[in-house]
Amino acid sequence: MSAQVNALPRAVQRRLAARPRLTDAVWVGGLTLFDMATVLHRSPEPPGWGVALWGAQTVPLLWRRTAPRAVLVTMTGLYVLFQALGPVPSKVPGPFLLMLGVYAVARYARASVSGPLALLSLLSAAVTDALSGHWEPPRLGSLEPISVTTFVFFFALAWLLGHGRRRIDADAARLRELNRRLAAEQELNARQAVLTERARIARDLHDVVAHHVSAIALQARAAEDVLTSGPLQREEAAHGVGVIARTADTALTEMRRLLGLLSFGEGAHELAPEPSLDGLDRLVGVAASAGCRVACDVEVSAAPPAGMQVSAYRIVQEALTNAVKHAGPVVVRIAVRGDDTRLTVEVENDPPGPEHRPVPGAGRGLVGMRERVAAFDGELDAGPRPDGGWRLRAVLCARAPRAAQPSGSRERR
């Protein structure tokens, strides 16, 4: 019950804060009516125009948000007029109404403007009181009777409160702007992270699909040759079809692992481990099943970081894919050397046979390898050998960064 009671004023405050014009009309109208009611039953009874002039001193506050300087000037003029005419006997307004205008101008106008205006209003009120005979000598240490000391005290108090509130509002607006910029920057970073991850997954998918599909294509051609050249050799044909099936299964497994990164389903914990240098034997086996004679030499004194191992694995995979596509069943030599700070990957293949039909490529493999090497501040050199073969050399650095300077290949692969 108490929570509901406390929630009611907060709801009213939010509703009024959303309608500032209505809020000003309510409290300024209430203040004006209250001021007029305080002089209605005085003796002798004041004239109607005097009561109206008395109440009119607070009406300009309706525009305190949009025209604070004009509000203070108008209120000061009405004060001077009321004091000069004296329509309500023995009624001295004092600084209490004008301090509302001083507060408004200090809150909604710059200090360089509100300060001089407050001083001008103070001087006008003090001179008017002195000329109209309402001025009394100030008493040391007292605000009574109403004198220059009273005006100075209340004007200074109102100006300091208004200026302080203006600074609070400015700081709050600055914080809101900073929060808005921070939220926008966080959203931009999140989108960039998503795009980067999608690009990485796309590269990995390209590596996986191109590698295994190339092996499948080569085995399918070999099986076609077995089935169409001379008597049917069932064992060789069955072996080729079996290699195609196993290679396709391997490709599907790796594709499921990569696509599983895009979801957070219940099967996420069943995903295969991330590729590393320990998995190079699988790549060698796939290339060997395609007819290549692969020699793999790995000499790593200390385990490199996981990210570096993944990049080295993908570089070897793409190099073997290119060898299978462009050279066919040839001799391939793989050498991986280094430690936990630097890896050197070298892949060479012999020239293709005279009857080999190369599989066309789009050149994305080398682009992906360059990006992986550049991510580790390394170097990439790929190009044909004098005998017609192909040589690829990649250097990955973990701790000694330097500008990546991948040399452009002389052939699209």
Protein backbone atom coordinates (compact mmCIF):
# COMPACT_ATOMS: atom_id res chain seq x y z
CA MET A 1 0.00 0.00 0.00
CA SER A 2 2.79 2.42 0.92
CA ALA A 3 4.54 1.64 -2.36
CA GLN A 4 1.41 2.60 -4.27
CA VAL A 5 1.14 5.86 -2.30
CA ASN A 6 4.78 6.70 -3.05
CA ALA A 7 4.35 5.80 -6.71
CA LEU A 8 1.49 8.29 -7.13
CA PRO A 9 3.57 11.46 -6.58
CA ARG A 10 6.29 10.11 -8.87
CA ALA A 11 3.74 9.48 -11.58
CA VAL A 12 2.41 13.02 -11.18
CA GLN A 13 5.94 14.43 -11.34
CA ARG A 14 6.69 12.54 -14.56
CA ARG A 15 3.42 13.71 -16.09
CA LEU A 16 4.09 17.33 -15.18
CA ALA A 17 7.72 17.14 -16.34
CA ALA A 18 6.49 15.96 -19.73
CA ARG A 19 4.24 19.06 -19.98
CA PRO A 20 6.35 22.06 -18.88
CA ARG A 21 3.90 24.65 -20.22
CA LEU A 22 1.05 23.11 -18.23
CA THR A 23 3.25 22.96 -15.14
CA ASP A 24 4.16 26.65 -15.43
CA ALA A 25 0.52 27.61 -16.00
CA VAL A 26 -0.60 25.70 -12.89
CA TRP A 27 1.94 27.05 -10.42
CA VAL A 28 2.09 30.61 -11.84
CA GLY A 29 -1.71 30.79 -11.89
CA GLY A 30 -1.88 29.49 -8.33
CA LEU A 31 0.77 31.94 -7.16
CA THR A 32 -0.97 34.89 -8.85
CA LEU A 33 -4.36 34.03 -7.34
CA PHE A 34 -2.79 33.58 -3.91
CA ASP A 35 -1.02 36.97 -4.12
CA MET A 36 -4.24 38.71 -5.15
CA ALA A 37 -6.16 37.02 -2.34
CA THR A 38 -3.71 38.39 0.24
CA VAL A 39 -4.62 42.01 -0.57
CA LEU A 40 -8.37 41.70 -1.15
CA HIS A 41 -9.46 42.17 2.45
CA ARG A 42 -7.08 44.90 3.53
CA SER A 43 -8.31 48.05 5.15
CA PRO A 44 -8.88 50.38 3.46
CA GLU A 45 -10.02 48.14 0.59
CA PRO A 46 -7.69 48.53 -2.43
CA PRO A 47 -9.05 49.35 -5.88
CA GLY A 48 -9.53 46.58 -8.38
CA TRP A 49 -6.82 47.83 -10.69
CA GLY A 50 -4.39 47.86 -7.76
CA VAL A 51 -5.16 44.22 -6.97
CA ALA A 52 -4.71 43.38 -10.65
CA LEU A 53 -1.39 45.24 -10.79
CA TRP A 54 -0.25 43.41 -7.68
CA GLY A 55 -1.11 40.03 -9.21
CA ALA A 56 0.33 40.95 -12.61
CA GLN A 57 3.85 40.97 -11.19
CA THR A 58 4.02 37.15 -11.30
CA VAL A 59 2.24 36.60 -14.65
CA PRO A 60 5.45 37.03 -16.75
CA LEU A 61 6.82 33.88 -15.10
CA LEU A 62 4.75 31.91 -17.61
CA TRP A 63 7.52 32.62 -20.16
CA ARG A 64 10.47 32.06 -17.83
CA ARG A 65 11.76 29.08 -19.87
CA THR A 66 11.62 30.69 -23.31
CA ALA A 67 12.29 34.38 -22.56
CA PRO A 68 13.90 34.66 -19.11
CA ARG A 69 15.51 38.06 -19.78
CA ALA A 70 12.25 39.61 -20.89
CA VAL A 71 10.53 38.09 -17.84
CA LEU A 72 12.95 39.74 -15.40
CA VAL A 73 12.77 43.09 -17.20
CA THR A 74 8.96 43.00 -17.23
CA MET A 75 8.72 41.98 -13.57
CA THR A 76 11.12 44.78 -12.61
CA GLY A 77 9.04 47.29 -14.57
CA LEU A 78 5.81 46.13 -12.89
CA TYR A 79 7.50 46.37 -9.49
CA VAL A 80 8.64 49.92 -10.21
CA LEU A 81 5.13 50.85 -11.42
CA PHE A 82 3.45 49.34 -8.36
CA GLN A 83 5.82 51.14 -5.97
CA ALA A 84 5.45 54.41 -7.81
CA LEU A 85 1.61 54.33 -7.86
CA GLY A 86 1.13 52.74 -4.41
CA PRO A 87 -2.41 51.42 -5.07
CA VAL A 88 -2.36 49.20 -1.96
CA PRO A 89 -1.61 51.24 1.18
CA SER A 90 1.19 49.95 3.41
CA LYS A 91 1.87 47.09 1.01
CA VAL A 92 5.55 46.77 0.10
CA PRO A 93 6.35 43.95 -2.35
CA GLY A 94 9.91 43.46 -1.23
CA PRO A 95 12.35 41.24 -3.12
CA PHE A 96 10.34 38.04 -2.82
CA LEU A 97 8.56 38.21 -6.18
CA LEU A 98 11.49 39.64 -8.09
CA MET A 99 13.79 36.89 -6.81
CA LEU A 100 11.67 34.42 -8.82
CA GLY A 101 12.57 36.34 -11.98
CA VAL A 102 16.23 36.48 -10.93
CA TYR A 103 16.23 32.71 -10.41
CA ALA A 104 14.63 32.18 -13.83
CA VAL A 105 17.14 34.35 -15.70
CA ALA A 106 20.08 32.73 -13.86
CA ARG A 107 18.83 29.24 -14.73
CA TYR A 108 17.86 29.74 -18.36
CA ALA A 109 20.39 32.38 -19.51
CA ARG A 110 24.17 32.56 -19.58
CA ALA A 111 25.94 33.97 -16.55
CA SER A 112 27.36 36.80 -18.66
CA VAL A 113 23.77 37.90 -19.32
CA SER A 114 21.96 36.95 -16.13
CA GLY A 115 24.50 38.61 -13.81
CA PRO A 116 24.22 42.13 -15.27
CA LEU A 117 20.43 41.82 -15.55
CA ALA A 118 20.16 40.84 -11.89
CA LEU A 119 22.28 43.83 -10.90
CA LEU A 120 20.19 46.13 -13.07
CA SER A 121 17.00 44.84 -11.47
CA LEU A 122 18.50 45.30 -8.00
CA LEU A 123 19.51 48.89 -8.72
CA SER A 124 16.07 49.69 -10.21
CA ALA A 125 14.25 48.28 -7.20
CA ALA A 126 16.55 50.05 -4.72
CA VAL A 127 16.28 53.43 -6.47
CA THR A 128 12.48 53.07 -6.70
CA ASP A 129 12.18 52.31 -2.99
CA ALA A 130 14.41 55.25 -2.12
CA LEU A 131 12.47 57.71 -4.32
CA SER A 132 9.06 56.46 -3.20
CA GLY A 133 9.91 56.70 0.47
CA HIS A 134 9.81 52.99 1.20
CA TRP A 135 13.53 52.73 1.78
CA GLU A 136 14.83 52.34 5.29
CA PRO A 137 18.41 52.32 6.55
CA PRO A 138 19.79 48.76 6.76
CA ARG A 139 20.58 47.21 10.10
CA LEU A 140 23.82 45.38 10.60
CA GLY A 141 23.26 41.62 10.87
CA SER A 142 19.52 41.79 10.13
CA LEU A 143 17.27 41.54 7.06
CA GLU A 144 14.58 43.63 8.66
CA PRO A 145 13.27 46.12 7.85
CA ILE A 146 13.18 45.56 4.07
CA SER A 147 16.13 47.51 2.71
CA VAL A 148 18.96 47.28 0.26
CA THR A 149 20.53 44.60 2.46
CA THR A 150 17.40 42.46 2.11
CA PHE A 151 17.36 42.85 -1.68
CA VAL A 152 21.07 42.06 -2.02
CA PHE A 153 20.74 38.93 0.12
CA PHE A 154 17.71 37.46 -1.65
CA PHE A 155 18.85 38.46 -5.14
CA ALA A 156 22.26 36.86 -4.54
CA LEU A 157 20.61 33.72 -3.12
CA ALA A 158 18.22 33.43 -6.08
CA TRP A 159 20.97 33.99 -8.64
CA LEU A 160 23.28 31.41 -7.07
CA LEU A 161 20.50 28.82 -6.90
CA GLY A 162 19.48 29.45 -10.51
CA HIS A 163 23.05 29.37 -11.82
CA GLY A 164 23.76 26.20 -9.85
CA ARG A 165 20.69 24.53 -11.31
CA ARG A 166 21.79 25.65 -14.80
CA ARG A 167 25.17 23.96 -14.30
CA ILE A 168 23.50 20.78 -13.05
CA ASP A 169 21.25 20.70 -16.10
CA ALA A 170 24.22 21.29 -18.40
CA ASP A 171 26.19 18.47 -16.76
CA ALA A 172 23.18 16.16 -17.02
CA ALA A 173 22.74 17.00 -20.71
CA ARG A 174 26.44 16.39 -21.29
CA LEU A 175 26.22 13.00 -19.57
CA ARG A 176 23.17 12.06 -21.63
CA GLU A 177 25.03 12.96 -24.81
CA LEU A 178 28.06 10.94 -23.71
CA ASN A 179 25.82 7.97 -22.91
CA ARG A 180 24.16 8.29 -26.31
CA ARG A 181 27.52 8.36 -28.06
CA LEU A 182 28.76 5.43 -25.97
CA ALA A 183 25.67 3.39 -26.84
CA ALA A 184 26.09 4.24 -30.52
CA GLU A 185 29.77 3.31 -30.40
CA GLN A 186 29.00 0.03 -28.61
CA GLU A 187 26.37 -0.80 -31.22
CA LEU A 188 28.83 0.02 -34.01
CA ASN A 189 31.53 -2.14 -32.40
CA ALA A 190 29.05 -4.98 -31.99
CA ARG A 191 28.09 -4.78 -35.65
CA GLN A 192 31.73 -4.66 -36.68
CA ALA A 193 32.46 -7.69 -34.52
CA VAL A 194 29.60 -9.57 -36.19
CA LEU A 195 30.89 -8.66 -39.66
CA THR A 196 34.43 -9.69 -38.72
CA GLU A 197 33.23 -13.01 -37.36
CA ARG A 198 31.14 -13.63 -40.44
CA ALA A 199 34.15 -12.92 -42.65
CA ARG A 200 36.28 -15.33 -40.61
CA ILE A 201 33.65 -18.06 -40.82
CA ALA A 202 33.30 -17.42 -44.57
CA ARG A 203 37.07 -17.87 -45.01
CA ASP A 204 37.02 -21.07 -42.98
CA LEU A 205 34.05 -22.39 -44.96
CA HIS A 206 35.88 -21.59 -48.19
CA ASP A 207 38.97 -23.42 -46.96
CA VAL A 208 36.99 -26.47 -45.89
CA VAL A 209 34.73 -26.68 -48.92
CA ALA A 210 37.44 -25.96 -51.50
CA HIS A 211 39.85 -28.47 -49.96
CA HIS A 212 37.49 -31.40 -49.69
CA VAL A 213 35.48 -30.72 -52.82
CA SER A 214 38.70 -30.58 -54.84
CA ALA A 215 39.67 -33.98 -53.47
CA ILE A 216 36.17 -35.29 -54.24
CA ALA A 217 36.37 -33.95 -57.81
CA LEU A 218 39.75 -35.57 -58.38
CA GLN A 219 38.59 -38.94 -57.01
CA ALA A 220 35.38 -38.76 -59.06
CA ARG A 221 37.44 -38.29 -62.21
CA ALA A 222 39.66 -41.19 -61.24
CA ALA A 223 36.59 -43.35 -60.63
CA GLU A 224 35.19 -42.23 -63.98
CA ASP A 225 38.40 -43.28 -65.70
CA VAL A 226 38.27 -46.69 -63.95
CA LEU A 227 34.64 -47.24 -64.99
CA THR A 228 35.08 -46.16 -68.60
CA SER A 229 38.55 -47.45 -69.52
CA GLY A 230 38.52 -51.14 -70.34
CA PRO A 231 37.13 -53.96 -68.20
CA LEU A 232 35.35 -52.94 -65.00
CA GLN A 233 37.64 -53.08 -61.98
CA ARG A 234 35.22 -53.29 -59.09
CA GLU A 235 37.78 -53.03 -56.29
CA GLU A 236 39.40 -49.87 -57.64
CA ALA A 237 36.02 -48.31 -58.40
CA ALA A 238 34.71 -49.18 -54.93
CA HIS A 239 37.87 -47.76 -53.33
CA GLY A 240 37.50 -44.47 -55.23
CA VAL A 241 33.81 -44.17 -54.33
CA GLY A 242 34.64 -44.95 -50.69
CA VAL A 243 37.28 -42.21 -50.62
CA ILE A 244 34.72 -39.78 -52.06
CA ALA A 245 32.21 -40.74 -49.36
CA ARG A 246 34.73 -40.40 -46.52
CA THR A 247 35.99 -37.07 -47.84
CA ALA A 248 32.43 -35.76 -48.11
CA ASP A 249 31.73 -36.90 -44.54
CA THR A 250 34.81 -35.06 -43.30
CA ALA A 251 33.75 -31.91 -45.16
CA LEU A 252 30.25 -32.12 -43.69
CA THR A 253 31.64 -32.57 -40.17
CA GLU A 254 33.84 -29.47 -40.43
CA MET A 255 31.05 -27.45 -42.02
CA ARG A 256 28.70 -28.41 -39.16
CA ARG A 257 31.35 -27.33 -36.67
CA LEU A 258 31.73 -23.93 -38.34
CA LEU A 259 28.01 -23.39 -38.78
CA GLY A 260 27.52 -24.38 -35.15
CA LEU A 261 29.41 -21.22 -34.19
CA LEU A 262 26.44 -19.24 -35.48
CA SER A 263 24.01 -20.86 -33.02
CA PHE A 264 23.88 -21.50 -29.32
CA GLY A 265 21.71 -24.61 -29.35
CA GLU A 266 21.92 -27.63 -27.08
CA GLY A 267 24.40 -29.36 -29.37
CA ALA A 268 27.03 -26.64 -29.08
CA HIS A 269 29.01 -28.68 -26.54
CA GLU A 270 29.34 -31.53 -29.06
CA LEU A 271 31.28 -29.42 -31.60
CA ALA A 272 34.63 -30.71 -32.79
CA PRO A 273 37.78 -29.07 -31.37
CA GLU A 274 39.38 -26.17 -33.18
CA PRO A 275 41.95 -27.19 -35.81
CA SER A 276 45.62 -27.08 -34.81
CA LEU A 277 49.00 -28.37 -35.95
CA ASP A 278 48.12 -31.75 -34.44
CA GLY A 279 45.44 -32.10 -37.14
CA LEU A 280 47.78 -31.79 -40.13
CA ASP A 281 47.71 -35.57 -40.49
CA ARG A 282 44.05 -35.36 -41.51
CA LEU A 283 44.91 -32.91 -44.27
CA VAL A 284 47.75 -35.16 -45.42
CA GLY A 285 45.37 -38.11 -45.47
CA VAL A 286 42.81 -36.27 -47.60
CA ALA A 287 45.50 -35.16 -50.07
CA ALA A 288 46.94 -38.68 -50.17
CA SER A 289 43.49 -40.09 -50.90
CA ALA A 290 43.39 -37.76 -53.91
CA GLY A 291 46.59 -39.38 -55.20
CA CYS A 292 49.17 -36.92 -53.91
CA ARG A 293 52.37 -38.18 -52.30
CA VAL A 294 52.68 -35.89 -49.28
CA ALA A 295 55.68 -35.52 -47.00
CA CYS A 296 54.97 -33.52 -43.84
CA ASP A 297 57.74 -32.36 -41.49
CA VAL A 298 56.72 -30.47 -38.32
CA GLU A 299 59.45 -29.14 -35.99
CA VAL A 300 57.99 -26.89 -33.30
CA SER A 301 59.98 -26.49 -30.10
CA ALA A 302 57.15 -24.85 -28.10
CA ALA A 303 53.40 -24.84 -28.68
CA PRO A 304 52.35 -21.65 -30.50
CA PRO A 305 49.17 -19.77 -29.50
CA ALA A 306 45.90 -21.36 -30.56
CA GLY A 307 45.09 -18.60 -33.05
CA MET A 308 48.46 -18.99 -34.74
CA GLN A 309 47.96 -22.76 -35.00
CA VAL A 310 44.53 -22.28 -36.60
CA SER A 311 45.99 -19.89 -39.19
CA ALA A 312 48.88 -22.24 -39.96
CA TYR A 313 46.45 -25.14 -40.32
CA ARG A 314 44.26 -23.19 -42.73
CA ILE A 315 47.27 -22.05 -44.77
CA VAL A 316 48.43 -25.67 -45.18
CA GLN A 317 44.88 -26.69 -46.03
CA GLU A 318 44.57 -24.03 -48.72
CA ALA A 319 48.00 -24.87 -50.15
CA LEU A 320 47.08 -28.56 -50.42
CA THR A 321 43.77 -27.59 -52.00
CA ASN A 322 45.58 -25.53 -54.63
CA ALA A 323 48.01 -28.38 -55.26
CA VAL A 324 45.18 -30.87 -55.79
CA LYS A 325 43.21 -28.48 -58.01
CA HIS A 326 46.01 -27.15 -60.17
CA ALA A 327 48.61 -29.94 -60.18
CA GLY A 328 46.69 -33.13 -59.43
CA PRO A 329 48.34 -36.24 -57.96
CA VAL A 330 51.88 -34.93 -57.53
CA VAL A 331 54.53 -34.88 -54.84
CA VAL A 332 53.83 -32.31 -52.12
CA ARG A 333 56.25 -31.33 -49.36
CA ILE A 334 55.11 -29.58 -46.18
CA ALA A 335 57.47 -28.07 -43.62
CA VAL A 336 56.34 -26.30 -40.44
CA ARG A 337 59.05 -24.94 -38.16
CA GLY A 338 59.19 -22.50 -35.28
CA ASP A 339 58.26 -21.98 -31.65
CA ASP A 340 55.66 -20.14 -29.58
CA THR A 341 56.62 -16.75 -31.06
CA ARG A 342 57.20 -17.50 -34.74
CA LEU A 343 56.03 -20.09 -37.25
CA THR A 344 57.28 -20.70 -40.78
CA VAL A 345 55.06 -22.70 -43.11
CA GLU A 346 56.44 -23.95 -46.45
CA VAL A 347 54.44 -25.97 -48.97
CA GLU A 348 55.86 -27.06 -52.36
CA ASN A 349 54.41 -29.24 -55.07
CA ASP A 350 55.87 -30.66 -58.25
CA PRO A 351 54.62 -29.57 -61.70
CA PRO A 352 51.38 -31.14 -62.91
CA GLY A 353 51.32 -34.08 -65.27
CA PRO A 354 50.71 -33.55 -68.99
CA GLU A 355 47.20 -35.01 -68.84
CA HIS A 356 46.02 -33.12 -65.75
CA ARG A 357 42.96 -30.92 -66.18
CA PRO A 358 43.20 -28.07 -63.62
CA VAL A 359 40.11 -27.06 -61.67
CA PRO A 360 39.40 -23.33 -62.15
CA GLY A 361 39.60 -21.13 -59.05
CA ALA A 362 38.43 -17.67 -58.06
CA GLY A 363 41.62 -16.55 -56.31
CA ARG A 364 39.98 -16.25 -52.88
CA GLY A 365 42.34 -18.78 -51.35
CA LEU A 366 45.41 -16.57 -51.60
CA VAL A 367 43.40 -13.57 -50.42
CA GLY A 368 42.34 -15.48 -47.30
CA MET A 369 45.93 -16.60 -46.66
CA ARG A 370 47.19 -13.03 -46.93
CA GLU A 371 44.60 -11.89 -44.40
CA ARG A 372 45.56 -14.64 -41.97
CA VAL A 373 49.26 -13.81 -42.32
CA ALA A 374 48.62 -10.06 -41.94
CA ALA A 375 46.68 -10.74 -38.72
CA PHE A 376 49.95 -12.03 -37.23
CA ASP A 377 52.20 -9.34 -38.71
CA GLY A 378 53.86 -11.88 -40.97
CA GLU A 379 54.95 -12.38 -44.56
CA LEU A 380 53.54 -14.41 -47.44
CA ASP A 381 55.40 -15.38 -50.59
CA ALA A 382 53.67 -17.56 -53.20
CA GLY A 383 54.58 -18.22 -56.80
CA PRO A 384 55.67 -20.76 -59.43
CA ARG A 385 59.02 -22.55 -59.33
CA PRO A 386 61.36 -22.66 -62.31
CA ASP A 387 60.41 -26.29 -63.02
CA GLY A 388 56.70 -25.47 -63.21
CA GLY A 389 55.76 -26.43 -59.67
CA TRP A 390 54.48 -24.13 -56.98
CA ARG A 391 56.01 -22.86 -53.76
CA LEU A 392 54.34 -21.11 -50.83
CA ARG A 393 56.09 -19.68 -47.78
CA ALA A 394 54.27 -18.00 -44.89
CA VAL A 395 55.74 -16.53 -41.70
CA LEU A 396 53.53 -15.86 -38.66
CA CYS A 397 54.79 -13.77 -35.72
CA ALA A 398 53.17 -13.74 -32.30
CA ARG A 399 55.21 -11.23 -30.27
CA ALA A 400 57.52 -9.35 -32.62
CA PRO A 401 55.04 -7.42 -34.75
CA ARG A 402 56.10 -5.85 -37.98
CA ALA A 403 54.27 -4.51 -40.98
CA ALA A 404 52.75 -7.27 -43.06
CA GLN A 405 54.22 -7.19 -46.55
CA PRO A 406 52.67 -10.06 -48.46
CA SER A 407 54.16 -10.31 -51.89
CA GLY A 408 51.70 -10.56 -54.72
CA SER A 409 51.56 -13.93 -56.43
CA ARG A 410 52.27 -14.17 -60.11
CA GLU A 411 49.35 -16.48 -60.80
CA ARG A 412 45.77 -16.71 -59.66
CA ARG A 413 45.14 -19.82 -57.60
